[in-house]
Amino acid sequence: TAVYYCAVRTSRYYSTESGEYDYWGQGTQVT
């Protein structure tokens, strides 16, 4: 259960760090 966010990182290099993503959606609630 959480708010799930989609994000885009404008790079070819994979990352799991949220701070390295450039754009974010508004989120969708999953309960």
PDB file of all heavy atoms in Angstrom:
ATOM      1  N   THR A   1       0.825  -1.194   0.000  1.00  0.00           N
ATOM      2  CA  THR A   1       0.000   0.000   0.000  1.00  0.00           C
ATOM      3  C   THR A   1       0.868   1.256   0.000  1.00  0.00           C
ATOM      4  O   THR A   1       1.745   1.423   0.844  1.00  0.00           O
ATOM      5  CB  THR A   1      -0.918   0.014   1.235  1.00  0.00           C
ATOM      6  OG1 THR A   1      -1.833  -1.085   1.140  1.00  0.00           O
ATOM      7  CG2 THR A   1      -1.696   1.314   1.326  1.00  0.00           C
ATOM      8  N   ALA A   2       0.631   2.120  -0.982  1.00  0.00           N
ATOM      9  CA  ALA A   2       1.439   3.325  -1.132  1.00  0.00           C
ATOM     10  C   ALA A   2       0.898   4.127  -2.307  1.00  0.00           C
ATOM     11  O   ALA A   2       0.044   3.647  -3.058  1.00  0.00           O
ATOM     12  CB  ALA A   2       2.905   2.973  -1.403  1.00  0.00           C
ATOM     13  N   VAL A   3       1.423   5.332  -2.455  1.00  0.00           N
ATOM     14  CA  VAL A   3       1.223   6.087  -3.684  1.00  0.00           C
ATOM     15  C   VAL A   3       2.357   5.680  -4.625  1.00  0.00           C
ATOM     16  O   VAL A   3       3.530   5.732  -4.254  1.00  0.00           O
ATOM     17  CB  VAL A   3       1.246   7.599  -3.445  1.00  0.00           C
ATOM     18  CG1 VAL A   3       1.116   8.349  -4.779  1.00  0.00           C
ATOM     19  CG2 VAL A   3       0.118   8.006  -2.501  1.00  0.00           C
ATOM     20  N   TYR A   4       1.974   5.275  -5.825  1.00  0.00           N
ATOM     21  CA  TYR A   4       2.955   4.818  -6.811  1.00  0.00           C
ATOM     22  C   TYR A   4       3.186   5.929  -7.824  1.00  0.00           C
ATOM     23  O   TYR A   4       2.236   6.478  -8.382  1.00  0.00           O
ATOM     24  CB  TYR A   4       2.462   3.559  -7.505  1.00  0.00           C
ATOM     25  CG  TYR A   4       2.623   2.329  -6.642  1.00  0.00           C
ATOM     26  CD1 TYR A   4       1.844   2.153  -5.507  1.00  0.00           C
ATOM     27  CD2 TYR A   4       3.576   1.356  -6.948  1.00  0.00           C
ATOM     28  CE1 TYR A   4       2.012   1.037  -4.694  1.00  0.00           C
ATOM     29  CE2 TYR A   4       3.746   0.232  -6.152  1.00  0.00           C
ATOM     30  CZ  TYR A   4       2.965   0.093  -5.026  1.00  0.00           C
ATOM     31  OH  TYR A   4       3.134  -1.022  -4.221  1.00  0.00           O
ATOM     32  N   TYR A   5       4.464   6.242  -8.050  1.00  0.00           N
ATOM     33  CA  TYR A   5       4.854   7.317  -8.948  1.00  0.00           C
ATOM     34  C   TYR A   5       5.634   6.762 -10.133  1.00  0.00           C
ATOM     35  O   TYR A   5       6.514   5.907  -9.967  1.00  0.00           O
ATOM     36  CB  TYR A   5       5.736   8.336  -8.237  1.00  0.00           C
ATOM     37  CG  TYR A   5       5.076   9.062  -7.099  1.00  0.00           C
ATOM     38  CD1 TYR A   5       5.155   8.578  -5.793  1.00  0.00           C
ATOM     39  CD2 TYR A   5       4.375  10.245  -7.330  1.00  0.00           C
ATOM     40  CE1 TYR A   5       4.553   9.246  -4.741  1.00  0.00           C
ATOM     41  CE2 TYR A   5       3.769  10.923  -6.289  1.00  0.00           C
ATOM     42  CZ  TYR A   5       3.861  10.419  -4.995  1.00  0.00           C
ATOM     43  OH  TYR A   5       3.258  11.091  -3.963  1.00  0.00           O
ATOM     44  N   CYS A   6       5.346   7.297 -11.299  1.00  0.00           N
ATOM     45  CA  CYS A   6       6.120   7.017 -12.491  1.00  0.00           C
ATOM     46  C   CYS A   6       7.132   8.152 -12.666  1.00  0.00           C
ATOM     47  O   CYS A   6       6.823   9.309 -12.354  1.00  0.00           O
ATOM     48  CB  CYS A   6       5.177   6.958 -13.691  1.00  0.00           C
ATOM     49  SG  CYS A   6       5.987   6.773 -15.275  1.00  0.00           S
ATOM     50  N   ALA A   7       8.323   7.815 -13.155  1.00  0.00           N
ATOM     51  CA  ALA A   7       9.355   8.829 -13.318  1.00  0.00           C
ATOM     52  C   ALA A   7      10.205   8.533 -14.547  1.00  0.00           C
ATOM     53  O   ALA A   7      10.326   7.374 -14.966  1.00  0.00           O
ATOM     54  CB  ALA A   7      10.251   8.875 -12.079  1.00  0.00           C
ATOM     55  N   VAL A   8      10.794   9.577 -15.105  1.00  0.00           N
ATOM     56  CA  VAL A   8      11.672   9.447 -16.272  1.00  0.00           C
ATOM     57  C   VAL A   8      13.055   9.991 -15.939  1.00  0.00           C
ATOM     58  O   VAL A   8      13.184  11.078 -15.368  1.00  0.00           O
ATOM     59  CB  VAL A   8      11.097  10.201 -17.484  1.00  0.00           C
ATOM     60  CG1 VAL A   8      12.167  10.392 -18.565  1.00  0.00           C
ATOM     61  CG2 VAL A   8       9.929   9.437 -18.076  1.00  0.00           C
ATOM     62  N   ARG A   9      14.065   9.228 -16.307  1.00  0.00           N
ATOM     63  CA  ARG A   9      15.461   9.674 -16.202  1.00  0.00           C
ATOM     64  C   ARG A   9      15.966   9.849 -17.626  1.00  0.00           C
ATOM     65  O   ARG A   9      15.984   8.884 -18.402  1.00  0.00           O
ATOM     66  CB  ARG A   9      16.284   8.643 -15.434  1.00  0.00           C
ATOM     67  CG  ARG A   9      17.788   8.868 -15.442  1.00  0.00           C
ATOM     68  CD  ARG A   9      18.467   7.946 -14.453  1.00  0.00           C
ATOM     69  NE  ARG A   9      19.885   7.773 -14.695  1.00  0.00           N
ATOM     70  CZ  ARG A   9      20.820   8.634 -14.363  1.00  0.00           C
ATOM     71  NH1 ARG A   9      20.506   9.759 -13.767  1.00  0.00           N
ATOM     72  NH2 ARG A   9      22.084   8.373 -14.612  1.00  0.00           N
ATOM     73  N   THR A  10      16.367  11.069 -17.969  1.00  0.00           N
ATOM     74  CA  THR A  10      16.777  11.360 -19.346  1.00  0.00           C
ATOM     75  C   THR A  10      18.246  11.014 -19.545  1.00  0.00           C
ATOM     76  O   THR A  10      19.083  11.885 -19.800  1.00  0.00           O
ATOM     77  CB  THR A  10      16.503  12.823 -19.691  1.00  0.00           C
ATOM     78  OG1 THR A  10      17.124  13.668 -18.696  1.00  0.00           O
ATOM     79  CG2 THR A  10      15.001  13.102 -19.715  1.00  0.00           C
ATOM     80  N   SER A  11      18.522   9.727 -19.425  1.00  0.00           N
ATOM     81  CA  SER A  11      19.885   9.219 -19.556  1.00  0.00           C
ATOM     82  C   SER A  11      19.795   7.764 -19.970  1.00  0.00           C
ATOM     83  O   SER A  11      18.777   7.106 -19.734  1.00  0.00           O
ATOM     84  CB  SER A  11      20.625   9.344 -18.222  1.00  0.00           C
ATOM     85  OG  SER A  11      21.828   8.604 -18.223  1.00  0.00           O
ATOM     86  N   ARG A  12      20.883   7.248 -20.547  1.00  0.00           N
ATOM     87  CA  ARG A  12      20.889   5.836 -20.886  1.00  0.00           C
ATOM     88  C   ARG A  12      21.354   4.988 -19.692  1.00  0.00           C
ATOM     89  O   ARG A  12      21.339   3.772 -19.748  1.00  0.00           O
ATOM     90  CB  ARG A  12      21.821   5.573 -22.065  1.00  0.00           C
ATOM     91  CG  ARG A  12      23.294   5.828 -21.785  1.00  0.00           C
ATOM     92  CD  ARG A  12      24.171   5.411 -22.965  1.00  0.00           C
ATOM     93  NE  ARG A  12      23.921   6.191 -24.141  1.00  0.00           N
ATOM     94  CZ  ARG A  12      23.380   5.694 -25.245  1.00  0.00           C
ATOM     95  NH1 ARG A  12      23.028   4.418 -25.273  1.00  0.00           N
ATOM     96  NH2 ARG A  12      23.194   6.445 -26.290  1.00  0.00           N
ATOM     97  N   TYR A  13      21.807   5.650 -18.638  1.00  0.00           N
ATOM     98  CA  TYR A  13      22.384   4.928 -17.502  1.00  0.00           C
ATOM     99  C   TYR A  13      21.328   4.652 -16.444  1.00  0.00           C
ATOM    100  O   TYR A  13      20.697   5.553 -15.907  1.00  0.00           O
ATOM    101  CB  TYR A  13      23.561   5.707 -16.919  1.00  0.00           C
ATOM    102  CG  TYR A  13      24.662   5.912 -17.922  1.00  0.00           C
ATOM    103  CD1 TYR A  13      24.918   7.163 -18.465  1.00  0.00           C
ATOM    104  CD2 TYR A  13      25.408   4.832 -18.380  1.00  0.00           C
ATOM    105  CE1 TYR A  13      25.901   7.347 -19.412  1.00  0.00           C
ATOM    106  CE2 TYR A  13      26.403   5.000 -19.328  1.00  0.00           C
ATOM    107  CZ  TYR A  13      26.635   6.259 -19.847  1.00  0.00           C
ATOM    108  OH  TYR A  13      27.601   6.438 -20.797  1.00  0.00           O
ATOM    109  N   TYR A  14      21.188   3.391 -16.127  1.00  0.00           N
ATOM    110  CA  TYR A  14      20.179   2.892 -15.202  1.00  0.00           C
ATOM    111  C   TYR A  14      20.425   3.427 -13.796  1.00  0.00           C
ATOM    112  O   TYR A  14      21.577   3.578 -13.369  1.00  0.00           O
ATOM    113  CB  TYR A  14      20.260   1.359 -15.207  1.00  0.00           C
ATOM    114  CG  TYR A  14      19.282   0.670 -14.321  1.00  0.00           C
ATOM    115  CD1 TYR A  14      17.992   0.425 -14.745  1.00  0.00           C
ATOM    116  CD2 TYR A  14      19.665   0.237 -13.055  1.00  0.00           C
ATOM    117  CE1 TYR A  14      17.093  -0.234 -13.934  1.00  0.00           C
ATOM    118  CE2 TYR A  14      18.776  -0.422 -12.242  1.00  0.00           C
ATOM    119  CZ  TYR A  14      17.503  -0.658 -12.684  1.00  0.00           C
ATOM    120  OH  TYR A  14      16.625  -1.303 -11.878  1.00  0.00           O
ATOM    121  N   SER A  15      19.370   3.709 -13.075  1.00  0.00           N
ATOM    122  CA  SER A  15      19.500   4.179 -11.700  1.00  0.00           C
ATOM    123  C   SER A  15      18.293   3.767 -10.881  1.00  0.00           C
ATOM    124  O   SER A  15      17.168   3.727 -11.394  1.00  0.00           O
ATOM    125  CB  SER A  15      19.653   5.704 -11.659  1.00  0.00           C
ATOM    126  OG  SER A  15      19.640   6.172 -10.322  1.00  0.00           O
ATOM    127  N   THR A  16      18.517   3.492  -9.594  1.00  0.00           N
ATOM    128  CA  THR A  16      17.432   3.206  -8.663  1.00  0.00           C
ATOM    129  C   THR A  16      17.225   4.357  -7.680  1.00  0.00           C
ATOM    130  O   THR A  16      16.426   4.240  -6.762  1.00  0.00           O
ATOM    131  CB  THR A  16      17.733   1.926  -7.863  1.00  0.00           C
ATOM    132  OG1 THR A  16      18.901   2.135  -7.076  1.00  0.00           O
ATOM    133  CG2 THR A  16      17.947   0.737  -8.784  1.00  0.00           C
ATOM    134  N   GLU A  17      17.948   5.455  -7.884  1.00  0.00           N
ATOM    135  CA  GLU A  17      17.883   6.595  -6.975  1.00  0.00           C
ATOM    136  C   GLU A  17      16.857   7.609  -7.461  1.00  0.00           C
ATOM    137  O   GLU A  17      16.968   8.137  -8.575  1.00  0.00           O
ATOM    138  CB  GLU A  17      19.257   7.262  -6.869  1.00  0.00           C
ATOM    139  CG  GLU A  17      20.345   6.352  -6.316  1.00  0.00           C
ATOM    140  CD  GLU A  17      20.071   5.918  -4.895  1.00  0.00           C
ATOM    141  OE1 GLU A  17      19.505   6.722  -4.129  1.00  0.00           O
ATOM    142  OE2 GLU A  17      20.428   4.766  -4.549  1.00  0.00           O
ATOM    143  N   SER A  18      15.894   7.927  -6.624  1.00  0.00           N
ATOM    144  CA  SER A  18      14.838   8.843  -7.040  1.00  0.00           C
ATOM    145  C   SER A  18      15.388  10.217  -7.416  1.00  0.00           C
ATOM    146  O   SER A  18      14.858  10.882  -8.309  1.00  0.00           O
ATOM    147  CB  SER A  18      13.790   8.976  -5.941  1.00  0.00           C
ATOM    148  OG  SER A  18      14.362   9.482  -4.753  1.00  0.00           O
ATOM    149  N   GLY A  19      16.463  10.637  -6.753  1.00  0.00           N
ATOM    150  CA  GLY A  19      17.035  11.945  -7.032  1.00  0.00           C
ATOM    151  C   GLY A  19      17.644  12.070  -8.412  1.00  0.00           C
ATOM    152  O   GLY A  19      17.945  13.179  -8.868  1.00  0.00           O
ATOM    153  N   GLU A  20      17.823  10.944  -9.095  1.00  0.00           N
ATOM    154  CA  GLU A  20      18.431  10.962 -10.429  1.00  0.00           C
ATOM    155  C   GLU A  20      17.394  10.889 -11.540  1.00  0.00           C
ATOM    156  O   GLU A  20      17.755  10.759 -12.710  1.00  0.00           O
ATOM    157  CB  GLU A  20      19.449   9.821 -10.541  1.00  0.00           C
ATOM    158  CG  GLU A  20      20.633  10.002  -9.587  1.00  0.00           C
ATOM    159  CD  GLU A  20      21.693   8.936  -9.745  1.00  0.00           C
ATOM    160  OE1 GLU A  20      21.440   7.945 -10.454  1.00  0.00           O
ATOM    161  OE2 GLU A  20      22.775   9.098  -9.132  1.00  0.00           O
ATOM    162  N   TYR A  21      16.135  10.989 -11.184  1.00  0.00           N
ATOM    163  CA  TYR A  21      15.058  11.026 -12.174  1.00  0.00           C
ATOM    164  C   TYR A  21      14.610  12.471 -12.351  1.00  0.00           C
ATOM    165  O   TYR A  21      14.543  13.233 -11.389  1.00  0.00           O
ATOM    166  CB  TYR A  21      13.907  10.119 -11.754  1.00  0.00           C
ATOM    167  CG  TYR A  21      14.224   8.665 -12.009  1.00  0.00           C
ATOM    168  CD1 TYR A  21      15.137   7.980 -11.199  1.00  0.00           C
ATOM    169  CD2 TYR A  21      13.646   7.976 -13.074  1.00  0.00           C
ATOM    170  CE1 TYR A  21      15.459   6.648 -11.452  1.00  0.00           C
ATOM    171  CE2 TYR A  21      13.947   6.647 -13.328  1.00  0.00           C
ATOM    172  CZ  TYR A  21      14.862   5.998 -12.517  1.00  0.00           C
ATOM    173  OH  TYR A  21      15.174   4.687 -12.772  1.00  0.00           O
ATOM    174  N   ASP A  22      14.314  12.815 -13.589  1.00  0.00           N
ATOM    175  CA  ASP A  22      14.102  14.213 -13.956  1.00  0.00           C
ATOM    176  C   ASP A  22      12.641  14.652 -13.979  1.00  0.00           C
ATOM    177  O   ASP A  22      12.346  15.824 -13.746  1.00  0.00           O
ATOM    178  CB  ASP A  22      14.712  14.471 -15.335  1.00  0.00           C
ATOM    179  CG  ASP A  22      16.184  14.086 -15.390  1.00  0.00           C
ATOM    180  OD1 ASP A  22      16.979  14.776 -14.728  1.00  0.00           O
ATOM    181  OD2 ASP A  22      16.527  13.095 -16.074  1.00  0.00           O
ATOM    182  N   TYR A  23      11.753  13.751 -14.281  1.00  0.00           N
ATOM    183  CA  TYR A  23      10.333  14.089 -14.390  1.00  0.00           C
ATOM    184  C   TYR A  23       9.512  13.068 -13.619  1.00  0.00           C
ATOM    185  O   TYR A  23       9.842  11.873 -13.600  1.00  0.00           O
ATOM    186  CB  TYR A  23       9.888  14.098 -15.857  1.00  0.00           C
ATOM    187  CG  TYR A  23      10.635  15.102 -16.702  1.00  0.00           C
ATOM    188  CD1 TYR A  23      11.730  14.715 -17.485  1.00  0.00           C
ATOM    189  CD2 TYR A  23      10.262  16.448 -16.713  1.00  0.00           C
ATOM    190  CE1 TYR A  23      12.422  15.646 -18.239  1.00  0.00           C
ATOM    191  CE2 TYR A  23      10.955  17.374 -17.473  1.00  0.00           C
ATOM    192  CZ  TYR A  23      12.033  16.969 -18.223  1.00  0.00           C
ATOM    193  OH  TYR A  23      12.723  17.885 -18.975  1.00  0.00           O
ATOM    194  N   TRP A  24       8.414  13.557 -13.046  1.00  0.00           N
ATOM    195  CA  TRP A  24       7.570  12.723 -12.194  1.00  0.00           C
ATOM    196  C   TRP A  24       6.105  12.921 -12.536  1.00  0.00           C
ATOM    197  O   TRP A  24       5.673  14.032 -12.886  1.00  0.00           O
ATOM    198  CB  TRP A  24       7.790  13.087 -10.725  1.00  0.00           C
ATOM    199  CG  TRP A  24       9.153  12.688 -10.234  1.00  0.00           C
ATOM    200  CD1 TRP A  24      10.311  13.379 -10.381  1.00  0.00           C
ATOM    201  CD2 TRP A  24       9.478  11.483  -9.534  1.00  0.00           C
ATOM    202  NE1 TRP A  24      11.357  12.681  -9.818  1.00  0.00           N
ATOM    203  CE2 TRP A  24      10.875  11.517  -9.293  1.00  0.00           C
ATOM    204  CE3 TRP A  24       8.750  10.383  -9.106  1.00  0.00           C
ATOM    205  CZ2 TRP A  24      11.539  10.486  -8.628  1.00  0.00           C
ATOM    206  CZ3 TRP A  24       9.416   9.368  -8.440  1.00  0.00           C
ATOM    207  CH2 TRP A  24      10.800   9.423  -8.204  1.00  0.00           C
ATOM    208  N   GLY A  25       5.338  11.820 -12.381  1.00  0.00           N
ATOM    209  CA  GLY A  25       3.896  11.918 -12.491  1.00  0.00           C
ATOM    210  C   GLY A  25       3.297  12.346 -11.160  1.00  0.00           C
ATOM    211  O   GLY A  25       4.004  12.543 -10.172  1.00  0.00           O
ATOM    212  N   GLN A  26       1.976  12.455 -11.157  1.00  0.00           N
ATOM    213  CA  GLN A  26       1.280  12.940  -9.962  1.00  0.00           C
ATOM    214  C   GLN A  26       1.042  11.827  -8.945  1.00  0.00           C
ATOM    215  O   GLN A  26       0.712  12.122  -7.790  1.00  0.00           O
ATOM    216  CB  GLN A  26      -0.065  13.573 -10.362  1.00  0.00           C
ATOM    217  CG  GLN A  26      -1.191  12.592 -10.618  1.00  0.00           C
ATOM    218  CD  GLN A  26      -1.074  11.830 -11.919  1.00  0.00           C
ATOM    219  OE1 GLN A  26      -0.204  12.102 -12.748  1.00  0.00           O
ATOM    220  NE2 GLN A  26      -1.945  10.855 -12.116  1.00  0.00           N
ATOM    221  N   GLY A  27       1.204  10.593  -9.355  1.00  0.00           N
ATOM    222  CA  GLY A  27       1.042   9.466  -8.450  1.00  0.00           C
ATOM    223  C   GLY A  27      -0.348   8.861  -8.519  1.00  0.00           C
ATOM    224  O   GLY A  27      -1.327   9.542  -8.839  1.00  0.00           O
ATOM    225  N   THR A  28      -0.422   7.576  -8.205  1.00  0.00           N
ATOM    226  CA  THR A  28      -1.707   6.878  -8.147  1.00  0.00           C
ATOM    227  C   THR A  28      -1.707   6.008  -6.890  1.00  0.00           C
ATOM    228  O   THR A  28      -0.718   5.338  -6.575  1.00  0.00           O
ATOM    229  CB  THR A  28      -1.948   6.050  -9.424  1.00  0.00           C
ATOM    230  OG1 THR A  28      -3.255   5.466  -9.387  1.00  0.00           O
ATOM    231  CG2 THR A  28      -0.920   4.937  -9.598  1.00  0.00           C
ATOM    232  N   GLN A  29      -2.819   6.028  -6.172  1.00  0.00           N
ATOM    233  CA  GLN A  29      -2.908   5.322  -4.899  1.00  0.00           C
ATOM    234  C   GLN A  29      -3.202   3.844  -5.125  1.00  0.00           C
ATOM    235  O   GLN A  29      -4.117   3.483  -5.873  1.00  0.00           O
ATOM    236  CB  GLN A  29      -4.005   5.940  -4.029  1.00  0.00           C
ATOM    237  CG  GLN A  29      -4.243   5.221  -2.713  1.00  0.00           C
ATOM    238  CD  GLN A  29      -3.109   5.423  -1.722  1.00  0.00           C
ATOM    239  OE1 GLN A  29      -2.633   6.544  -1.535  1.00  0.00           O
ATOM    240  NE2 GLN A  29      -2.671   4.342  -1.095  1.00  0.00           N
ATOM    241  N   VAL A  30      -2.436   3.008  -4.451  1.00  0.00           N
ATOM    242  CA  VAL A  30      -2.687   1.569  -4.413  1.00  0.00           C
ATOM    243  C   VAL A  30      -2.906   1.191  -2.950  1.00  0.00           C
ATOM    244  O   VAL A  30      -2.053   1.459  -2.102  1.00  0.00           O
ATOM    245  CB  VAL A  30      -1.510   0.771  -4.994  1.00  0.00           C
ATOM    246  CG1 VAL A  30      -1.684  -0.713  -4.744  1.00  0.00           C
ATOM    247  CG2 VAL A  30      -1.375   1.057  -6.490  1.00  0.00           C
ATOM    248  N   THR A  31      -4.037   0.583  -2.676  1.00  0.00           N
ATOM    249  CA  THR A  31      -4.359   0.158  -1.328  1.00  0.00           C
ATOM    250  C   THR A  31      -4.667  -1.331  -1.336  1.00  0.00           C
ATOM    251  O   THR A  31      -5.528  -1.784  -2.098  1.00  0.00           O
ATOM    252  CB  THR A  31      -5.562   0.935  -0.773  1.00  0.00           C
ATOM    253  OG1 THR A  31      -5.287   2.339  -0.813  1.00  0.00           O
ATOM    254  CG2 THR A  31      -5.848   0.523   0.666  1.00  0.00           C
TER     255      THR A  31
END
